[in-house]
Amino acid sequence: MKISTLFADDIFRSKIGVFSITKLSSHYPYHLQGKALNCLNAIIEIGDLLFSLDKPLPKDIKNNEFVEFNVERLDCTIE
């Protein structure tokens, strides 16, 4: 299973190391917090789930650091 983000925005290093998925008020957006598993390919781990961002991570973020960001939509693909 692959979870892709659409319109990832406000990506920054998190001050707290938690895994979190929070539904925001309008139709599809979410606020996510997780660990940067692969910065080169913008893969974020949240618990047992892997998210592929549609935007590169900021250059100052390193593998295994926690990040948080907003997305307009999440898409799940079963391969």
PDB file of N, CA and C in Angstrom:
ATOM      1  N   MET A   1       0.848  -1.180   0.000  1.00  0.00           N
ATOM      2  CA  MET A   1       0.000   0.000   0.000  1.00  0.00           C
ATOM      3  C   MET A   1       0.891   1.240   0.000  1.00  0.00           C
ATOM      4  N   LYS A   2       0.523   2.200  -0.799  1.00  0.00           N
ATOM      5  CA  LYS A   2       1.274   3.453  -0.891  1.00  0.00           C
ATOM      6  C   LYS A   2       0.309   4.602  -0.575  1.00  0.00           C
ATOM      7  N   ILE A   3       0.720   5.488   0.313  1.00  0.00           N
ATOM      8  CA  ILE A   3      -0.080   6.672   0.627  1.00  0.00           C
ATOM      9  C   ILE A   3       0.673   7.884   0.108  1.00  0.00           C
ATOM     10  N   SER A   4       0.031   8.606  -0.787  1.00  0.00           N
ATOM     11  CA  SER A   4       0.639   9.786  -1.398  1.00  0.00           C
ATOM     12  C   SER A   4      -0.045  11.042  -0.879  1.00  0.00           C
ATOM     13  N   THR A   5       0.742  12.104  -0.733  1.00  0.00           N
ATOM     14  CA  THR A   5       0.173  13.381  -0.327  1.00  0.00           C
ATOM     15  C   THR A   5      -0.011  14.264  -1.554  1.00  0.00           C
ATOM     16  N   LEU A   6      -0.989  15.126  -1.470  1.00  0.00           N
ATOM     17  CA  LEU A   6      -1.199  16.127  -2.505  1.00  0.00           C
ATOM     18  C   LEU A   6      -1.150  17.503  -1.870  1.00  0.00           C
ATOM     19  N   PHE A   7      -0.351  18.381  -2.451  1.00  0.00           N
ATOM     20  CA  PHE A   7      -0.200  19.764  -2.009  1.00  0.00           C
ATOM     21  C   PHE A   7       0.334  19.860  -0.584  1.00  0.00           C
ATOM     22  N   ALA A   8       1.431  19.128  -0.309  1.00  0.00           N
ATOM     23  CA  ALA A   8       2.098  19.234   0.990  1.00  0.00           C
ATOM     24  C   ALA A   8       2.610  20.661   1.160  1.00  0.00           C
ATOM     25  N   ASP A   9       2.465  21.197   2.376  1.00  0.00           N
ATOM     26  CA  ASP A   9       2.827  22.590   2.619  1.00  0.00           C
ATOM     27  C   ASP A   9       3.278  22.752   4.069  1.00  0.00           C
ATOM     28  N   ASP A  10       3.978  23.835   4.346  1.00  0.00           N
ATOM     29  CA  ASP A  10       4.435  24.155   5.708  1.00  0.00           C
ATOM     30  C   ASP A  10       5.217  22.996   6.328  1.00  0.00           C
ATOM     31  N   ILE A  11       6.181  22.464   5.606  1.00  0.00           N
ATOM     32  CA  ILE A  11       6.989  21.341   6.082  1.00  0.00           C
ATOM     33  C   ILE A  11       8.126  21.894   6.950  1.00  0.00           C
ATOM     34  N   PHE A  12       8.197  21.426   8.191  1.00  0.00           N
ATOM     35  CA  PHE A  12       9.266  21.894   9.077  1.00  0.00           C
ATOM     36  C   PHE A  12       9.612  20.827  10.110  1.00  0.00           C
ATOM     37  N   ARG A  13      10.797  20.961  10.724  1.00  0.00           N
ATOM     38  CA  ARG A  13      11.250  20.047  11.769  1.00  0.00           C
ATOM     39  C   ARG A  13      10.347  20.222  12.993  1.00  0.00           C
ATOM     40  N   SER A  14       9.900  19.105  13.521  1.00  0.00           N
ATOM     41  CA  SER A  14       9.011  19.136  14.684  1.00  0.00           C
ATOM     42  C   SER A  14       9.824  19.218  15.972  1.00  0.00           C
ATOM     43  N   LYS A  15       9.316  19.950  16.941  1.00  0.00           N
ATOM     44  CA  LYS A  15       9.988  20.068  18.232  1.00  0.00           C
ATOM     45  C   LYS A  15       9.658  18.895  19.145  1.00  0.00           C
ATOM     46  N   ILE A  16       8.588  18.153  18.788  1.00  0.00           N
ATOM     47  CA  ILE A  16       8.219  16.978  19.585  1.00  0.00           C
ATOM     48  C   ILE A  16       8.223  15.751  18.679  1.00  0.00           C
ATOM     49  N   GLY A  17       8.745  14.649  19.166  1.00  0.00           N
ATOM     50  CA  GLY A  17       8.853  13.435  18.369  1.00  0.00           C
ATOM     51  C   GLY A  17       7.653  12.526  18.528  1.00  0.00           C
ATOM     52  N   VAL A  18       6.565  12.854  17.842  1.00  0.00           N
ATOM     53  CA  VAL A  18       5.353  12.030  17.911  1.00  0.00           C
ATOM     54  C   VAL A  18       4.874  11.697  16.508  1.00  0.00           C
ATOM     55  N   PHE A  19       4.123  10.597  16.437  1.00  0.00           N
ATOM     56  CA  PHE A  19       3.434  10.239  15.206  1.00  0.00           C
ATOM     57  C   PHE A  19       1.992  10.691  15.355  1.00  0.00           C
ATOM     58  N   SER A  20       1.497  11.468  14.390  1.00  0.00           N
ATOM     59  CA  SER A  20       0.150  12.009  14.518  1.00  0.00           C
ATOM     60  C   SER A  20      -0.454  12.296  13.149  1.00  0.00           C
ATOM     61  N   ILE A  21      -1.745  11.968  13.008  1.00  0.00           N
ATOM     62  CA  ILE A  21      -2.529  12.328  11.820  1.00  0.00           C
ATOM     63  C   ILE A  21      -3.788  12.997  12.339  1.00  0.00           C
ATOM     64  N   THR A  22      -3.961  14.280  12.009  1.00  0.00           N
ATOM     65  CA  THR A  22      -5.093  15.047  12.503  1.00  0.00           C
ATOM     66  C   THR A  22      -5.903  15.589  11.336  1.00  0.00           C
ATOM     67  N   LYS A  23      -7.187  15.280  11.302  1.00  0.00           N
ATOM     68  CA  LYS A  23      -8.086  15.799  10.271  1.00  0.00           C
ATOM     69  C   LYS A  23      -8.348  17.268  10.561  1.00  0.00           C
ATOM     70  N   LEU A  24      -8.209  18.113   9.550  1.00  0.00           N
ATOM     71  CA  LEU A  24      -8.484  19.541   9.700  1.00  0.00           C
ATOM     72  C   LEU A  24      -9.934  19.813   9.335  1.00  0.00           C
ATOM     73  N   SER A  25     -10.376  21.038   9.514  1.00  0.00           N
ATOM     74  CA  SER A  25     -11.803  21.360   9.484  1.00  0.00           C
ATOM     75  C   SER A  25     -12.512  21.232   8.136  1.00  0.00           C
ATOM     76  N   SER A  26     -11.872  21.536   7.031  1.00  0.00           N
ATOM     77  CA  SER A  26     -12.589  21.467   5.762  1.00  0.00           C
ATOM     78  C   SER A  26     -12.552  20.041   5.199  1.00  0.00           C
ATOM     79  N   HIS A  27     -12.900  19.856   3.955  1.00  0.00           N
ATOM     80  CA  HIS A  27     -13.161  18.542   3.367  1.00  0.00           C
ATOM     81  C   HIS A  27     -12.046  17.511   3.525  1.00  0.00           C
ATOM     82  N   TYR A  28     -10.877  17.742   2.942  1.00  0.00           N
ATOM     83  CA  TYR A  28      -9.862  16.695   2.859  1.00  0.00           C
ATOM     84  C   TYR A  28      -8.537  16.961   3.566  1.00  0.00           C
ATOM     85  N   PRO A  29      -8.227  18.158   4.024  1.00  0.00           N
ATOM     86  CA  PRO A  29      -6.872  18.411   4.551  1.00  0.00           C
ATOM     87  C   PRO A  29      -6.580  17.731   5.897  1.00  0.00           C
ATOM     88  N   TYR A  30      -5.265  17.451   6.085  1.00  0.00           N
ATOM     89  CA  TYR A  30      -4.765  16.824   7.307  1.00  0.00           C
ATOM     90  C   TYR A  30      -3.486  17.516   7.745  1.00  0.00           C
ATOM     91  N   HIS A  31      -3.218  17.429   9.050  1.00  0.00           N
ATOM     92  CA  HIS A  31      -1.930  17.838   9.612  1.00  0.00           C
ATOM     93  C   HIS A  31      -1.252  16.541  10.038  1.00  0.00           C
ATOM     94  N   LEU A  32      -0.029  16.320   9.566  1.00  0.00           N
ATOM     95  CA  LEU A  32       0.688  15.082   9.864  1.00  0.00           C
ATOM     96  C   LEU A  32       1.996  15.358  10.569  1.00  0.00           C
ATOM     97  N   GLN A  33       2.368  14.439  11.472  1.00  0.00           N
ATOM     98  CA  GLN A  33       3.662  14.496  12.152  1.00  0.00           C
ATOM     99  C   GLN A  33       4.263  13.102  12.099  1.00  0.00           C
ATOM    100  N   GLY A  34       5.523  13.027  11.690  1.00  0.00           N
ATOM    101  CA  GLY A  34       6.180  11.731  11.604  1.00  0.00           C
ATOM    102  C   GLY A  34       7.670  11.874  11.428  1.00  0.00           C
ATOM    103  N   LYS A  35       8.323  10.737  11.158  1.00  0.00           N
ATOM    104  CA  LYS A  35       9.773  10.691  11.033  1.00  0.00           C
ATOM    105  C   LYS A  35      10.178  10.670   9.563  1.00  0.00           C
ATOM    106  N   ALA A  36      11.165  11.491   9.218  1.00  0.00           N
ATOM    107  CA  ALA A  36      11.703  11.510   7.856  1.00  0.00           C
ATOM    108  C   ALA A  36      12.532  10.244   7.664  1.00  0.00           C
ATOM    109  N   LEU A  37      11.961   9.287   6.960  1.00  0.00           N
ATOM    110  CA  LEU A  37      12.627   8.008   6.761  1.00  0.00           C
ATOM    111  C   LEU A  37      13.641   8.084   5.618  1.00  0.00           C
ATOM    112  N   ASN A  38      13.293   8.805   4.563  1.00  0.00           N
ATOM    113  CA  ASN A  38      14.166   8.943   3.401  1.00  0.00           C
ATOM    114  C   ASN A  38      14.007  10.365   2.866  1.00  0.00           C
ATOM    115  N   CYS A  39      14.923  11.237   3.225  1.00  0.00           N
ATOM    116  CA  CYS A  39      14.821  12.650   2.831  1.00  0.00           C
ATOM    117  C   CYS A  39      14.969  12.854   1.326  1.00  0.00           C
ATOM    118  N   LEU A  40      15.794  12.063   0.698  1.00  0.00           N
ATOM    119  CA  LEU A  40      16.015  12.204  -0.738  1.00  0.00           C
ATOM    120  C   LEU A  40      14.728  11.975  -1.532  1.00  0.00           C
ATOM    121  N   ASN A  41      13.935  10.980  -1.115  1.00  0.00           N
ATOM    122  CA  ASN A  41      12.688  10.653  -1.806  1.00  0.00           C
ATOM    123  C   ASN A  41      11.443  11.172  -1.090  1.00  0.00           C
ATOM    124  N   ALA A  42      11.620  11.966  -0.037  1.00  0.00           N
ATOM    125  CA  ALA A  42      10.523  12.567   0.733  1.00  0.00           C
ATOM    126  C   ALA A  42       9.528  11.513   1.227  1.00  0.00           C
ATOM    127  N   ILE A  43      10.064  10.491   1.928  1.00  0.00           N
ATOM    128  CA  ILE A  43       9.244   9.436   2.518  1.00  0.00           C
ATOM    129  C   ILE A  43       9.177   9.673   4.023  1.00  0.00           C
ATOM    130  N   ILE A  44       7.954   9.748   4.546  1.00  0.00           N
ATOM    131  CA  ILE A  44       7.720  10.002   5.961  1.00  0.00           C
ATOM    132  C   ILE A  44       7.050   8.790   6.583  1.00  0.00           C
ATOM    133  N   GLU A  45       7.539   8.383   7.742  1.00  0.00           N
ATOM    134  CA  GLU A  45       6.957   7.269   8.483  1.00  0.00           C
ATOM    135  C   GLU A  45       6.070   7.823   9.594  1.00  0.00           C
ATOM    136  N   ILE A  46       4.830   7.327   9.647  1.00  0.00           N
ATOM    137  CA  ILE A  46       3.927   7.671  10.746  1.00  0.00           C
ATOM    138  C   ILE A  46       3.384   6.346  11.266  1.00  0.00           C
ATOM    139  N   GLY A  47       3.940   5.898  12.385  1.00  0.00           N
ATOM    140  CA  GLY A  47       3.593   4.573  12.898  1.00  0.00           C
ATOM    141  C   GLY A  47       4.049   3.511  11.913  1.00  0.00           C
ATOM    142  N   ASP A  48       3.114   2.649  11.493  1.00  0.00           N
ATOM    143  CA  ASP A  48       3.419   1.597  10.518  1.00  0.00           C
ATOM    144  C   ASP A  48       3.141   2.031   9.084  1.00  0.00           C
ATOM    145  N   LEU A  49       2.767   3.284   8.879  1.00  0.00           N
ATOM    146  CA  LEU A  49       2.405   3.779   7.550  1.00  0.00           C
ATOM    147  C   LEU A  49       3.533   4.612   6.950  1.00  0.00           C
ATOM    148  N   LEU A  50       3.695   4.498   5.625  1.00  0.00           N
ATOM    149  CA  LEU A  50       4.673   5.313   4.905  1.00  0.00           C
ATOM    150  C   LEU A  50       3.943   6.259   3.965  1.00  0.00           C
ATOM    151  N   PHE A  51       4.357   7.520   3.991  1.00  0.00           N
ATOM    152  CA  PHE A  51       3.752   8.557   3.168  1.00  0.00           C
ATOM    153  C   PHE A  51       4.790   9.098   2.195  1.00  0.00           C
ATOM    154  N   SER A  52       4.400   9.234   0.949  1.00  0.00           N
ATOM    155  CA  SER A  52       5.261   9.788  -0.088  1.00  0.00           C
ATOM    156  C   SER A  52       4.799  11.219  -0.371  1.00  0.00           C
ATOM    157  N   LEU A  53       5.637  12.185  -0.037  1.00  0.00           N
ATOM    158  CA  LEU A  53       5.260  13.580  -0.244  1.00  0.00           C
ATOM    159  C   LEU A  53       5.404  13.978  -1.705  1.00  0.00           C
ATOM    160  N   ASP A  54       4.547  14.873  -2.135  1.00  0.00           N
ATOM    161  CA  ASP A  54       4.589  15.371  -3.515  1.00  0.00           C
ATOM    162  C   ASP A  54       5.519  16.577  -3.645  1.00  0.00           C
ATOM    163  N   LYS A  55       6.227  16.883  -2.582  1.00  0.00           N
ATOM    164  CA  LYS A  55       7.133  18.027  -2.553  1.00  0.00           C
ATOM    165  C   LYS A  55       8.400  17.603  -1.818  1.00  0.00           C
ATOM    166  N   PRO A  56       9.571  18.086  -2.211  1.00  0.00           N
ATOM    167  CA  PRO A  56      10.800  17.705  -1.497  1.00  0.00           C
ATOM    168  C   PRO A  56      10.824  18.278  -0.074  1.00  0.00           C
ATOM    169  N   LEU A  57      11.535  17.578   0.783  1.00  0.00           N
ATOM    170  CA  LEU A  57      11.721  18.078   2.142  1.00  0.00           C
ATOM    171  C   LEU A  57      12.731  19.220   2.129  1.00  0.00           C
ATOM    172  N   PRO A  58      12.620  20.155   3.076  1.00  0.00           N
ATOM    173  CA  PRO A  58      13.629  21.213   3.173  1.00  0.00           C
ATOM    174  C   PRO A  58      15.023  20.598   3.353  1.00  0.00           C
ATOM    175  N   LYS A  59      16.019  21.243   2.803  1.00  0.00           N
ATOM    176  CA  LYS A  59      17.390  20.706   2.789  1.00  0.00           C
ATOM    177  C   LYS A  59      18.001  20.538   4.181  1.00  0.00           C
ATOM    178  N   ASP A  60      17.500  21.277   5.178  1.00  0.00           N
ATOM    179  CA  ASP A  60      18.087  21.176   6.516  1.00  0.00           C
ATOM    180  C   ASP A  60      17.541  20.002   7.330  1.00  0.00           C
ATOM    181  N   ILE A  61      16.556  19.278   6.812  1.00  0.00           N
ATOM    182  CA  ILE A  61      15.997  18.124   7.513  1.00  0.00           C
ATOM    183  C   ILE A  61      16.796  16.882   7.125  1.00  0.00           C
ATOM    184  N   LYS A  62      17.139  16.090   8.142  1.00  0.00           N
ATOM    185  CA  LYS A  62      17.936  14.884   7.931  1.00  0.00           C
ATOM    186  C   LYS A  62      17.096  13.640   8.225  1.00  0.00           C
ATOM    187  N   ASN A  63      17.552  12.495   7.692  1.00  0.00           N
ATOM    188  CA  ASN A  63      16.871  11.224   7.969  1.00  0.00           C
ATOM    189  C   ASN A  63      16.736  11.010   9.471  1.00  0.00           C
ATOM    190  N   ASN A  64      15.608  10.445   9.872  1.00  0.00           N
ATOM    191  CA  ASN A  64      15.265  10.107  11.260  1.00  0.00           C
ATOM    192  C   ASN A  64      14.898  11.302  12.133  1.00  0.00           C
ATOM    193  N   GLU A  65      14.823  12.502  11.574  1.00  0.00           N
ATOM    194  CA  GLU A  65      14.311  13.649  12.327  1.00  0.00           C
ATOM    195  C   GLU A  65      12.785  13.694  12.156  1.00  0.00           C
ATOM    196  N   PHE A  66      12.120  14.202  13.179  1.00  0.00           N
ATOM    197  CA  PHE A  66      10.668  14.325  13.105  1.00  0.00           C
ATOM    198  C   PHE A  66      10.292  15.621  12.391  1.00  0.00           C
ATOM    199  N   VAL A  67       9.255  15.530  11.576  1.00  0.00           N
ATOM    200  CA  VAL A  67       8.760  16.673  10.813  1.00  0.00           C
ATOM    201  C   VAL A  67       7.253  16.764  10.980  1.00  0.00           C
ATOM    202  N   GLU A  68       6.726  17.923  10.651  1.00  0.00           N
ATOM    203  CA  GLU A  68       5.274  18.077  10.574  1.00  0.00           C
ATOM    204  C   GLU A  68       4.934  18.947   9.387  1.00  0.00           C
ATOM    205  N   PHE A  69       3.722  18.750   8.870  1.00  0.00           N
ATOM    206  CA  PHE A  69       3.317  19.434   7.643  1.00  0.00           C
ATOM    207  C   PHE A  69       1.817  19.277   7.446  1.00  0.00           C
ATOM    208  N   ASN A  70       1.278  20.059   6.530  1.00  0.00           N
ATOM    209  CA  ASN A  70      -0.129  19.969   6.153  1.00  0.00           C
ATOM    210  C   ASN A  70      -0.231  19.431   4.737  1.00  0.00           C
ATOM    211  N   VAL A  71      -1.309  18.731   4.458  1.00  0.00           N
ATOM    212  CA  VAL A  71      -1.598  18.270   3.097  1.00  0.00           C
ATOM    213  C   VAL A  71      -3.053  18.585   2.788  1.00  0.00           C
ATOM    214  N   GLU A  72      -3.342  18.810   1.521  1.00  0.00           N
ATOM    215  CA  GLU A  72      -4.723  19.059   1.098  1.00  0.00           C
ATOM    216  C   GLU A  72      -5.503  17.766   0.922  1.00  0.00           C
ATOM    217  N   ARG A  73      -4.768  16.667   0.625  1.00  0.00           N
ATOM    218  CA  ARG A  73      -5.446  15.395   0.399  1.00  0.00           C
ATOM    219  C   ARG A  73      -4.463  14.243   0.530  1.00  0.00           C
ATOM    220  N   LEU A  74      -4.968  13.073   0.937  1.00  0.00           N
ATOM    221  CA  LEU A  74      -4.184  11.839   0.970  1.00  0.00           C
ATOM    222  C   LEU A  74      -4.811  10.850   0.010  1.00  0.00           C
ATOM    223  N   ASP A  75      -3.984  10.178  -0.789  1.00  0.00           N
ATOM    224  CA  ASP A  75      -4.451   9.151  -1.716  1.00  0.00           C
ATOM    225  C   ASP A  75      -3.773   7.842  -1.372  1.00  0.00           C
ATOM    226  N   CYS A  76      -4.550   6.771  -1.334  1.00  0.00           N
ATOM    227  CA  CYS A  76      -4.030   5.448  -1.036  1.00  0.00           C
ATOM    228  C   CYS A  76      -4.116   4.586  -2.293  1.00  0.00           C
ATOM    229  N   THR A  77      -2.998   3.935  -2.635  1.00  0.00           N
ATOM    230  CA  THR A  77      -2.943   3.049  -3.791  1.00  0.00           C
ATOM    231  C   THR A  77      -2.507   1.672  -3.329  1.00  0.00           C
ATOM    232  N   ILE A  78      -3.261   0.657  -3.687  1.00  0.00           N
ATOM    233  CA  ILE A  78      -2.886  -0.719  -3.373  1.00  0.00           C
ATOM    234  C   ILE A  78      -2.281  -1.320  -4.627  1.00  0.00           C
ATOM    235  N   GLU A  79      -1.036  -1.773  -4.498  1.00  0.00           N
ATOM    236  CA  GLU A  79      -0.326  -2.315  -5.662  1.00  0.00           C
ATOM    237  C   GLU A  79      -0.190  -3.812  -5.563  1.00  0.00           C
TER     238      GLU A  79
END
